[in-house]
Amino acid sequence: MNSDIRALEPKVLWNKFADLNAVPRPSKKEERVIKFMKDFGKSLGLETIEDETGNVIIRKPASPGMENRKPVVMQSHLDMVHQKNNDTVFDFENQGIDMFVDGDWVKAKGTTLGADNGLGVATIMAILESDSIAHPPLEALFTIDEETGMTGAKGLKGGLLKGEILLNLDTEEDDEIGVGCAGGVDITATRRYAVERIPGTSQAYVIDVKGLQGGHSGMQIHEGLANANKLMNRLLYGGYDKFGLRIAEIDGGSLRNAIPRESRAVVIVDTSKIADFKAAFDELATTIKHEFKTLEPNMVISCTECELPSNLLPVTIQKQLTRALYTAHNGVYRMSPDIPDLVETSNNIARVIVKDGNIKIGCLTRSSVESSKWDLAFALKAAFELMECDVTFSGDYPGWAPNMDSEILKIIVPIYKRLNNGEEPHVAACHAGLECGILGQHYPEMDMISFGPNIKGAHSPDERAQISSAQKYWEFVLEILKNIPEA
């Protein structure tokens, strides 16, 4: 089916995307895609370097007649989020993405597509390879590990790049021009516990929450989508007092930047309370599905008998855990008072693991305001410390403050309007974490802007890229490069 992708217009873009998607490129395991990109640059006879962190930089001289224009950095990240449906058999570390065309959309079979940020990477590759596209002096910056810590951007040294303008190709709405983004911090709560034995009069059950939409924990956090970890906790909360329910294991969520789609728990119930437990469980499951019937039509909540587990979470710690997870904020914390409809601060309870004497809870807190980010981070820290967890902060990265006086912004808004029959673009900050904030620390004088084609469902197996939007976006890119001002 990937041959169908190669036939799409613009062919130069989709062919490079197909080439890229044949290379496994999970975050923190980018060795193969780094080599792929270095080999690509060298095959074109262009200056190609890999920095100390693993970022790849390819330099291309200006096309004839464009030598006096300001040098431009075109930037995208090489890694992709790896998510798959529960029933999809796929090895992200060794297989290329299996794509297909569905109407006006390119999708992947049961996995993430990698359009985030693969279409940006493919765009830059197509321009580097072309001998007919007009452009100023170019530096292609391909960063690594954007999705799990932005370590590529963090590790980039100041002074390495010569460009004066940066075009970040990592925005997912084709009518949006990004001028700012949120920063973030990972919050990890851990605790050890002494396991307990299974009481003699017990029946074990597996509880599953699945079929949720999931999605990008920044760009979609305001949509009110269900979080599997929060729903599972709702099902477990209070279960001991009512039915003698005891938790043996919980495994919920996956990546810190993906809204959790699935959670599984193994529990036991006192045999004398089984009928009451099943009736109450079915009633609560029906209530939850009714609450989310519009947003989560494919939600599945099930409870099935299973073999007895090997050990249990102590009752006292079980109560602390379920209360802390109920207390911990998930979703939008504060809307921006300055920018209409912008989420300022949010949290995603991304991962909950309880097994064999260990508890681990992982969150990603985002905000465009540093003080608000840390306000929420410390609120979460306090909630987890009340259940005697050790709480650590990691992966802290800054936001990107909007500059409405940006020279490149003033250039590309008229271009957008001219190409789209006078339609005004949406100039906005976003709640995702873009690398521009970090890159701006290394290169404070660089003028930055972000844009891209329509990509829906990023960070989930529903990820899809719009074909017609990619055509619109490609034309926009070419016009921007033609109109870079003189140095």
Protein backbone atom coordinates (compact mmCIF):
# COMPACT_ATOMS: atom_id res chain seq x y z
CA MET A 1 0.00 0.00 0.00
CA ASN A 2 2.97 2.34 0.43
CA SER A 3 3.14 2.51 -3.38
CA ASP A 4 -0.18 4.38 -3.24
CA ILE A 5 1.47 6.94 -0.97
CA ARG A 6 4.25 7.51 -3.49
CA ALA A 7 1.70 8.38 -6.19
CA LEU A 8 0.21 11.25 -4.17
CA GLU A 9 0.87 14.90 -5.00
CA PRO A 10 3.23 16.53 -4.37
CA LYS A 11 5.20 13.41 -5.20
CA VAL A 12 8.49 14.86 -3.97
CA LEU A 13 7.02 15.27 -0.49
CA TRP A 14 5.19 11.95 -0.19
CA ASN A 15 8.09 9.96 -1.64
CA LYS A 16 10.45 11.37 0.94
CA PHE A 17 7.88 10.61 3.64
CA ALA A 18 7.65 7.01 2.42
CA ASP A 19 11.44 6.74 2.43
CA LEU A 20 11.60 8.05 5.98
CA ASN A 21 8.78 5.84 7.26
CA ALA A 22 10.63 2.75 6.06
CA VAL A 23 13.24 3.49 8.75
CA PRO A 24 12.40 2.55 12.38
CA ARG A 25 12.82 5.70 14.48
CA PRO A 26 11.62 5.37 18.07
CA SER A 27 12.59 8.11 20.49
CA LYS A 28 15.95 7.43 22.18
CA LYS A 29 16.71 4.74 19.59
CA GLU A 30 17.37 6.95 16.57
CA GLU A 31 20.69 5.41 15.45
CA ARG A 32 19.27 4.11 12.18
CA VAL A 33 17.43 7.28 11.23
CA ILE A 34 20.49 9.40 12.11
CA LYS A 35 22.58 7.26 9.74
CA PHE A 36 19.81 7.44 7.13
CA MET A 37 19.81 11.24 7.27
CA LYS A 38 23.61 11.55 7.21
CA ASP A 39 23.79 9.21 4.20
CA PHE A 40 21.10 11.29 2.50
CA GLY A 41 22.98 14.56 2.98
CA LYS A 42 26.28 13.09 1.85
CA SER A 43 24.65 11.51 -1.23
CA LEU A 44 23.70 15.05 -2.32
CA GLY A 45 27.27 16.27 -1.85
CA LEU A 46 26.15 18.64 0.90
CA GLU A 47 27.98 19.51 4.10
CA THR A 48 26.56 17.09 6.65
CA ILE A 49 27.45 16.86 10.33
CA GLU A 50 26.22 15.06 13.43
CA ASP A 51 26.66 17.03 16.64
CA GLU A 52 27.57 15.64 20.06
CA THR A 53 23.92 14.94 20.90
CA GLY A 54 22.99 13.17 17.66
CA ASN A 55 21.28 16.02 15.83
CA VAL A 56 22.00 16.09 12.10
CA ILE A 57 22.72 19.38 10.30
CA ILE A 58 22.86 19.60 6.50
CA ARG A 59 23.87 22.85 4.81
CA LYS A 60 22.85 23.81 1.29
CA PRO A 61 24.00 27.00 -0.51
CA ALA A 62 21.40 29.41 -1.84
CA SER A 63 19.85 28.78 -5.22
CA PRO A 64 21.06 31.13 -8.01
CA GLY A 65 19.96 34.71 -7.40
CA MET A 66 19.11 34.10 -3.71
CA GLU A 67 22.61 34.42 -2.30
CA ASN A 68 21.94 37.79 -0.65
CA ARG A 69 18.90 36.59 1.34
CA LYS A 70 18.96 35.92 5.06
CA PRO A 71 20.07 32.36 5.86
CA VAL A 72 17.23 30.11 7.04
CA VAL A 73 17.17 27.12 9.39
CA MET A 74 14.47 24.58 8.53
CA GLN A 75 13.88 22.34 11.53
CA SER A 76 11.98 19.13 12.33
CA HIS A 77 12.54 16.19 14.67
CA LEU A 78 13.49 12.70 13.53
CA ASP A 79 11.80 10.59 16.21
CA MET A 80 8.15 9.56 16.35
CA VAL A 81 5.70 8.44 19.01
CA HIS A 82 5.16 4.68 18.97
CA GLN A 83 1.60 3.67 19.80
CA LYS A 84 -0.42 0.74 18.48
CA ASN A 85 -3.82 -0.78 18.99
CA ASN A 86 -3.96 -3.58 21.52
CA ASP A 87 -4.73 -6.17 18.82
CA THR A 88 -2.06 -4.95 16.38
CA VAL A 89 1.09 -7.05 16.09
CA PHE A 90 3.92 -4.67 15.23
CA ASP A 91 7.61 -4.25 16.08
CA PHE A 92 8.41 -0.54 16.02
CA GLU A 93 12.12 -1.15 16.44
CA ASN A 94 12.42 -3.31 13.33
CA GLN A 95 9.48 -2.55 11.03
CA GLY A 96 8.68 0.41 8.81
CA ILE A 97 5.25 2.00 9.10
CA ASP A 98 2.55 0.32 6.96
CA MET A 99 0.58 3.17 5.38
CA PHE A 100 -2.56 3.36 3.26
CA VAL A 101 -4.78 5.99 1.62
CA ASP A 102 -8.31 6.48 2.94
CA GLY A 103 -10.07 9.16 0.92
CA ASP A 104 -8.29 12.46 1.63
CA TRP A 105 -6.18 10.97 4.41
CA VAL A 106 -3.02 8.93 4.82
CA LYS A 107 -3.21 6.52 7.75
CA ALA A 108 -1.24 3.63 9.23
CA LYS A 109 -2.51 0.11 9.88
CA GLY A 110 -3.12 0.00 13.62
CA THR A 111 -0.18 2.21 14.61
CA THR A 112 0.86 5.82 14.77
CA LEU A 113 1.68 7.21 11.34
CA GLY A 114 4.74 9.32 12.12
CA ALA A 115 3.43 12.36 10.24
CA ASP A 116 4.37 14.11 13.49
CA ASN A 117 7.06 15.19 12.58
CA GLY A 118 7.85 13.03 9.55
CA LEU A 119 6.08 15.31 7.09
CA GLY A 120 8.27 18.16 8.28
CA VAL A 121 11.40 16.04 7.85
CA ALA A 122 10.24 14.94 4.38
CA THR A 123 9.61 18.56 3.39
CA ILE A 124 13.16 19.54 4.23
CA MET A 125 14.57 16.48 2.46
CA ALA A 126 12.65 17.32 -0.71
CA ILE A 127 13.98 20.87 -0.72
CA LEU A 128 17.55 19.74 -0.08
CA GLU A 129 17.34 17.32 -2.99
CA SER A 130 15.72 19.71 -5.46
CA ASP A 131 17.68 21.61 -8.09
CA SER A 132 14.68 23.77 -9.11
CA ILE A 133 13.22 25.17 -5.87
CA ALA A 134 14.22 28.77 -5.12
CA HIS A 135 15.59 29.20 -1.63
CA PRO A 136 18.04 31.26 0.48
CA PRO A 137 21.10 29.71 2.15
CA LEU A 138 19.71 26.76 4.11
CA GLU A 139 20.61 24.85 7.23
CA ALA A 140 18.49 21.74 7.77
CA LEU A 141 18.34 20.90 11.47
CA PHE A 142 17.05 17.41 12.26
CA THR A 143 16.77 17.02 16.04
CA ILE A 144 16.41 13.80 18.00
CA ASP A 145 14.29 12.69 20.95
CA GLU A 146 11.74 15.49 20.77
CA GLU A 147 8.91 13.30 21.96
CA THR A 148 10.47 11.99 25.18
CA GLY A 149 12.53 14.84 26.55
CA MET A 150 13.66 17.20 23.76
CA THR A 151 17.23 16.18 24.49
CA GLY A 152 18.27 16.93 20.92
CA ALA A 153 17.23 20.57 21.17
CA LYS A 154 18.64 20.83 24.69
CA GLY A 155 22.00 19.46 23.59
CA LEU A 156 22.41 21.72 20.55
CA LYS A 157 25.32 24.09 21.06
CA GLY A 158 25.03 27.82 20.54
CA GLY A 159 27.12 29.15 17.67
CA LEU A 160 26.77 26.02 15.54
CA LEU A 161 23.96 27.41 13.38
CA LYS A 162 24.38 30.51 11.21
CA GLY A 163 20.75 31.02 10.20
CA GLU A 164 18.83 34.16 11.18
CA ILE A 165 15.33 32.76 10.67
CA LEU A 166 14.02 29.40 11.90
CA LEU A 167 11.10 27.64 10.24
CA ASN A 168 9.83 24.93 12.58
CA LEU A 169 7.61 22.49 10.64
CA ASP A 170 5.88 20.85 13.60
CA THR A 171 2.44 22.50 13.75
CA GLU A 172 -0.60 20.31 13.01
CA GLU A 173 -3.23 22.76 11.70
CA ASP A 174 -2.64 24.17 8.22
CA ASP A 175 -4.41 27.47 8.97
CA GLU A 176 -2.28 28.09 12.05
CA ILE A 177 0.98 30.01 12.31
CA GLY A 178 2.62 29.22 15.61
CA VAL A 179 4.34 32.00 17.54
CA GLY A 180 4.58 30.37 20.97
CA CYS A 181 4.25 27.09 22.85
CA ALA A 182 4.07 25.54 26.28
CA GLY A 183 6.95 24.35 28.39
CA GLY A 184 6.72 21.19 30.43
CA VAL A 185 8.05 19.02 33.24
CA ASP A 186 7.79 15.30 33.96
CA ILE A 187 6.59 14.32 37.42
CA THR A 188 7.34 10.81 38.65
CA ALA A 189 6.04 9.41 41.94
CA THR A 190 7.39 6.09 43.24
CA ARG A 191 6.92 3.97 46.32
CA ARG A 192 7.84 0.47 47.42
CA TYR A 193 5.53 -1.67 49.51
CA ALA A 194 5.62 -5.03 51.27
CA VAL A 195 3.28 -7.37 49.37
CA GLU A 196 0.53 -9.30 51.15
CA ARG A 197 -0.82 -12.79 50.58
CA ILE A 198 -4.16 -13.63 49.02
CA PRO A 199 -7.00 -14.33 51.50
CA GLY A 200 -8.45 -17.82 51.20
CA THR A 201 -12.00 -16.71 50.31
CA SER A 202 -11.30 -14.66 47.20
CA GLN A 203 -12.21 -14.48 43.52
CA ALA A 204 -9.86 -12.69 41.10
CA TYR A 205 -10.94 -10.44 38.22
CA VAL A 206 -9.27 -8.58 35.39
CA ILE A 207 -10.74 -5.12 34.87
CA ASP A 208 -10.08 -3.53 31.47
CA VAL A 209 -10.68 0.01 30.30
CA LYS A 210 -9.92 0.26 26.58
CA GLY A 211 -11.11 1.56 23.23
CA LEU A 212 -10.53 5.20 24.18
CA GLN A 213 -9.42 7.74 21.59
CA GLY A 214 -6.26 8.81 23.34
CA GLY A 215 -4.32 11.49 21.52
CA HIS A 216 -1.86 14.32 22.07
CA SER A 217 -1.67 15.34 25.71
CA GLY A 218 -0.99 18.96 24.74
CA MET A 219 -2.96 19.72 21.60
CA GLN A 220 -6.02 17.67 22.66
CA ILE A 221 -6.04 18.07 26.42
CA HIS A 222 -8.89 20.60 26.23
CA GLU A 223 -11.19 18.23 24.34
CA GLY A 224 -12.31 16.40 27.48
CA LEU A 225 -11.27 12.98 26.21
CA ALA A 226 -11.32 10.18 28.75
CA ASN A 227 -8.11 9.27 30.58
CA ALA A 228 -7.98 5.49 31.14
CA ASN A 229 -5.97 5.90 34.35
CA LYS A 230 -8.53 8.22 35.90
CA LEU A 231 -11.41 5.98 34.84
CA MET A 232 -9.72 2.88 36.29
CA ASN A 233 -9.16 4.67 39.58
CA ARG A 234 -12.82 5.63 39.63
CA LEU A 235 -13.76 1.97 39.25
CA LEU A 236 -11.42 0.89 42.06
CA TYR A 237 -12.03 3.71 44.54
CA GLY A 238 -13.96 2.62 47.62
CA GLY A 239 -14.01 -1.01 46.53
CA TYR A 240 -12.42 -2.39 49.70
CA ASP A 241 -15.00 -0.96 52.08
CA LYS A 242 -17.92 -2.14 49.94
CA PHE A 243 -16.79 -5.51 48.58
CA GLY A 244 -13.44 -6.36 50.12
CA LEU A 245 -11.84 -5.45 46.76
CA ARG A 246 -8.05 -5.66 46.85
CA ILE A 247 -5.67 -4.48 44.15
CA ALA A 248 -2.96 -6.83 42.93
CA GLU A 249 -1.77 -5.05 39.78
CA ILE A 250 -2.46 -1.96 37.68
CA ASP A 251 -0.94 -1.24 34.27
CA GLY A 252 -2.34 1.91 32.70
CA GLY A 253 -1.24 4.27 29.94
CA SER A 254 2.02 4.31 28.03
CA LEU A 255 3.84 7.47 26.92
CA ARG A 256 3.95 10.66 28.97
CA ASN A 257 2.74 12.79 26.05
CA ALA A 258 -0.17 10.54 25.06
CA ILE A 259 -3.58 10.64 26.72
CA PRO A 260 -3.96 7.09 28.13
CA ARG A 261 -6.17 4.88 25.99
CA GLU A 262 -6.04 1.68 28.03
CA SER A 263 -5.67 0.48 31.61
CA ARG A 264 -5.78 -3.00 33.12
CA ALA A 265 -6.07 -4.00 36.75
CA VAL A 266 -6.05 -7.36 38.52
CA VAL A 267 -8.14 -7.38 41.69
CA ILE A 268 -9.68 -9.82 44.13
CA VAL A 269 -13.09 -9.65 45.76
CA ASP A 270 -14.36 -11.43 48.85
CA THR A 271 -16.48 -14.36 47.63
CA SER A 272 -19.37 -13.32 49.84
CA LYS A 273 -19.56 -9.99 48.02
CA ILE A 274 -19.30 -11.14 44.39
CA ALA A 275 -22.93 -10.52 43.44
CA ASP A 276 -22.93 -7.04 44.99
CA PHE A 277 -19.59 -6.24 43.35
CA LYS A 278 -20.73 -7.28 39.86
CA ALA A 279 -23.96 -5.33 40.13
CA ALA A 280 -22.22 -2.17 41.35
CA PHE A 281 -19.44 -2.53 38.75
CA ASP A 282 -21.92 -2.86 35.88
CA GLU A 283 -23.88 0.14 37.13
CA LEU A 284 -20.79 2.35 37.39
CA ALA A 285 -19.44 1.18 34.03
CA THR A 286 -22.77 2.05 32.41
CA THR A 287 -22.71 5.48 34.06
CA ILE A 288 -19.18 6.21 32.84
CA LYS A 289 -19.94 5.10 29.28
CA HIS A 290 -23.05 7.26 29.28
CA GLU A 291 -21.02 10.29 30.44
CA PHE A 292 -18.57 9.81 27.58
CA LYS A 293 -20.95 8.47 24.91
CA THR A 294 -20.28 11.42 22.59
CA LEU A 295 -16.51 11.68 23.03
CA GLU A 296 -15.68 8.00 23.52
CA PRO A 297 -18.20 5.92 21.53
CA ASN A 298 -15.84 2.91 21.39
CA MET A 299 -15.12 2.74 25.12
CA VAL A 300 -15.03 -0.76 26.59
CA ILE A 301 -15.16 -1.42 30.34
CA SER A 302 -15.07 -5.10 31.23
CA CYS A 303 -14.61 -7.35 34.27
CA THR A 304 -13.77 -11.01 33.78
CA GLU A 305 -12.73 -13.79 36.12
CA CYS A 306 -9.07 -14.82 36.17
CA GLU A 307 -6.59 -16.87 38.17
CA LEU A 308 -5.63 -15.61 41.59
CA PRO A 309 -2.60 -13.29 41.51
CA SER A 310 0.54 -13.98 43.51
CA ASN A 311 0.30 -11.03 45.91
CA LEU A 312 -1.63 -7.91 46.88
CA LEU A 313 -1.17 -4.23 47.65
CA PRO A 314 -1.73 -3.60 51.39
CA VAL A 315 -5.13 -2.11 52.20
CA THR A 316 -3.74 1.08 53.76
CA ILE A 317 -1.58 1.84 50.73
CA GLN A 318 -4.44 0.90 48.37
CA LYS A 319 -6.61 3.56 50.01
CA GLN A 320 -3.79 6.12 49.84
CA LEU A 321 -3.18 5.35 46.16
CA THR A 322 -6.79 5.60 45.02
CA ARG A 323 -7.31 8.79 47.01
CA ALA A 324 -4.14 10.38 45.64
CA LEU A 325 -5.09 9.51 42.05
CA TYR A 326 -8.58 10.90 42.61
CA THR A 327 -7.06 14.10 44.00
CA ALA A 328 -4.34 14.51 41.36
CA HIS A 329 -5.42 16.98 38.70
CA ASN A 330 -5.82 15.73 35.15
CA GLY A 331 -6.74 17.91 32.18
CA VAL A 332 -6.92 21.69 31.86
CA TYR A 333 -5.78 23.50 35.00
CA ARG A 334 -5.92 27.09 33.74
CA MET A 335 -6.87 28.85 30.50
CA SER A 336 -4.77 31.77 29.36
CA PRO A 337 -6.21 35.12 30.45
CA ASP A 338 -4.30 36.85 27.65
CA ILE A 339 -4.76 34.66 24.55
CA PRO A 340 -8.35 33.57 23.75
CA ASP A 341 -9.00 29.80 23.77
CA LEU A 342 -5.40 28.92 24.68
CA VAL A 343 -4.84 26.34 27.39
CA GLU A 344 -2.24 27.85 29.67
CA THR A 345 -1.59 24.98 32.09
CA SER A 346 -2.55 21.29 32.12
CA ASN A 347 -1.57 17.88 33.40
CA ASN A 348 -1.72 14.39 31.93
CA ILE A 349 -1.70 11.44 34.33
CA ALA A 350 0.09 9.35 31.76
CA ARG A 351 1.23 6.18 33.49
CA VAL A 352 0.18 4.15 36.53
CA ILE A 353 1.98 0.92 37.39
CA VAL A 354 1.38 -1.18 40.50
CA LYS A 355 3.10 -4.57 40.65
CA ASP A 356 5.19 -6.79 42.90
CA GLY A 357 5.97 -4.25 45.59
CA ASN A 358 6.39 -1.16 43.40
CA ILE A 359 4.18 1.81 42.57
CA LYS A 360 5.07 4.24 39.79
CA ILE A 361 2.96 7.18 38.61
CA GLY A 362 4.09 9.38 35.72
CA CYS A 363 2.66 12.78 34.73
CA LEU A 364 3.47 15.47 32.18
CA THR A 365 2.60 19.00 33.27
CA ARG A 366 2.59 21.70 30.58
CA SER A 367 2.27 25.47 30.72
CA SER A 368 3.12 28.58 28.75
CA VAL A 369 3.69 30.36 32.08
CA GLU A 370 6.57 29.03 34.18
CA SER A 371 5.06 30.05 37.53
CA SER A 372 1.78 28.32 36.70
CA LYS A 373 3.63 25.19 35.54
CA TRP A 374 5.40 24.91 38.87
CA ASP A 375 2.24 25.73 40.82
CA LEU A 376 0.53 22.67 39.34
CA ALA A 377 3.70 20.56 39.59
CA PHE A 378 3.97 21.23 43.31
CA ALA A 379 0.24 20.53 43.79
CA LEU A 380 0.74 17.12 42.22
CA LYS A 381 3.90 16.55 44.24
CA ALA A 382 1.95 17.28 47.43
CA ALA A 383 -0.84 14.85 46.49
CA PHE A 384 1.63 12.01 45.91
CA GLU A 385 3.74 12.84 48.95
CA LEU A 386 0.63 12.43 51.09
CA MET A 387 0.71 8.75 50.10
CA GLU A 388 4.40 8.69 51.06
CA CYS A 389 5.78 8.56 47.52
CA ASP A 390 9.16 9.87 46.49
CA VAL A 391 8.45 12.53 43.87
CA THR A 392 10.96 13.76 41.30
CA PHE A 393 10.89 16.37 38.55
CA SER A 394 12.74 15.75 35.28
CA GLY A 395 12.81 16.76 31.63
CA ASP A 396 12.02 20.39 32.41
CA TYR A 397 11.91 22.54 29.29
CA PRO A 398 10.84 26.16 28.73
CA GLY A 399 7.98 27.57 26.73
CA TRP A 400 8.34 29.83 23.71
CA ALA A 401 7.15 33.38 24.36
CA PRO A 402 5.21 34.92 21.43
CA ASN A 403 6.83 37.76 19.47
CA MET A 404 4.09 39.54 17.56
CA ASP A 405 6.69 41.92 16.05
CA SER A 406 8.49 39.03 14.33
CA GLU A 407 9.78 39.98 10.86
CA ILE A 408 9.12 36.52 9.42
CA LEU A 409 5.58 36.58 10.83
CA LYS A 410 4.88 39.85 9.02
CA ILE A 411 6.17 38.28 5.79
CA ILE A 412 4.29 35.00 5.85
CA VAL A 413 0.84 36.22 6.94
CA PRO A 414 0.34 38.13 3.63
CA ILE A 415 1.65 35.09 1.73
CA TYR A 416 -0.92 32.87 3.43
CA LYS A 417 -3.72 35.32 2.63
CA ARG A 418 -2.65 35.60 -1.01
CA LEU A 419 -2.57 31.82 -1.44
CA ASN A 420 -5.91 31.30 0.31
CA ASN A 421 -8.25 33.87 -1.23
CA GLY A 422 -7.79 36.46 1.50
CA GLU A 423 -8.39 34.08 4.41
CA GLU A 424 -6.65 35.17 7.59
CA PRO A 425 -4.39 32.58 9.21
CA HIS A 426 -4.79 31.78 12.88
CA VAL A 427 -1.72 33.30 14.50
CA ALA A 428 -1.46 31.64 17.88
CA ALA A 429 0.54 29.99 20.59
CA CYS A 430 -0.13 26.29 21.14
CA HIS A 431 -0.25 24.05 24.19
CA ALA A 432 2.11 21.49 22.69
CA GLY A 433 5.80 21.47 23.47
CA LEU A 434 7.75 22.71 20.47
CA GLU A 435 11.51 22.87 20.37
CA CYS A 436 11.48 26.60 19.61
CA GLY A 437 11.57 27.55 23.30
CA ILE A 438 14.75 25.55 23.87
CA LEU A 439 16.35 26.59 20.59
CA GLY A 440 15.59 30.19 21.47
CA GLN A 441 17.72 29.85 24.60
CA HIS A 442 20.69 28.79 22.46
CA TYR A 443 19.97 31.35 19.72
CA PRO A 444 18.12 34.27 21.34
CA GLU A 445 18.41 36.52 18.26
CA MET A 446 16.91 33.97 15.87
CA ASP A 447 13.48 34.87 14.47
CA MET A 448 11.21 31.81 14.76
CA ILE A 449 7.90 30.65 13.35
CA SER A 450 6.08 27.29 13.24
CA PHE A 451 3.59 25.86 10.75
CA GLY A 452 2.60 22.59 9.12
CA PRO A 453 -0.13 20.52 7.40
CA ASN A 454 -3.27 19.10 8.99
CA ILE A 455 -2.42 16.10 11.17
CA LYS A 456 -5.15 14.61 13.33
CA GLY A 457 -4.91 12.14 16.21
CA ALA A 458 -1.16 12.56 16.74
CA HIS A 459 0.36 10.27 19.39
CA SER A 460 -2.38 7.68 18.82
CA PRO A 461 -3.07 4.90 16.29
CA ASP A 462 -5.74 7.19 14.83
CA GLU A 463 -3.02 9.57 13.59
CA ARG A 464 -3.71 10.68 10.02
CA ALA A 465 -2.39 13.29 7.59
CA GLN A 466 -4.63 15.13 5.15
CA ILE A 467 -3.55 14.87 1.52
CA SER A 468 -5.18 18.08 0.30
CA SER A 469 -3.73 19.96 3.26
CA ALA A 470 -0.24 18.68 2.45
CA GLN A 471 -0.61 20.16 -1.03
CA LYS A 472 -1.68 23.51 0.45
CA TYR A 473 1.18 23.41 2.94
CA TRP A 474 3.79 22.52 0.30
CA GLU A 475 2.85 25.54 -1.81
CA PHE A 476 3.04 27.72 1.31
CA VAL A 477 6.56 26.47 2.09
CA LEU A 478 7.79 27.21 -1.42
CA GLU A 479 6.38 30.73 -1.38
CA ILE A 480 7.93 31.48 2.00
CA LEU A 481 11.37 30.41 0.78
CA LYS A 482 11.02 32.65 -2.30
CA ASN A 483 10.20 35.67 -0.14
CA ILE A 484 12.87 35.53 2.56
CA PRO A 485 14.17 39.12 2.91
CA GLU A 486 17.65 40.29 2.04
CA ALA A 487 20.34 40.10 4.67
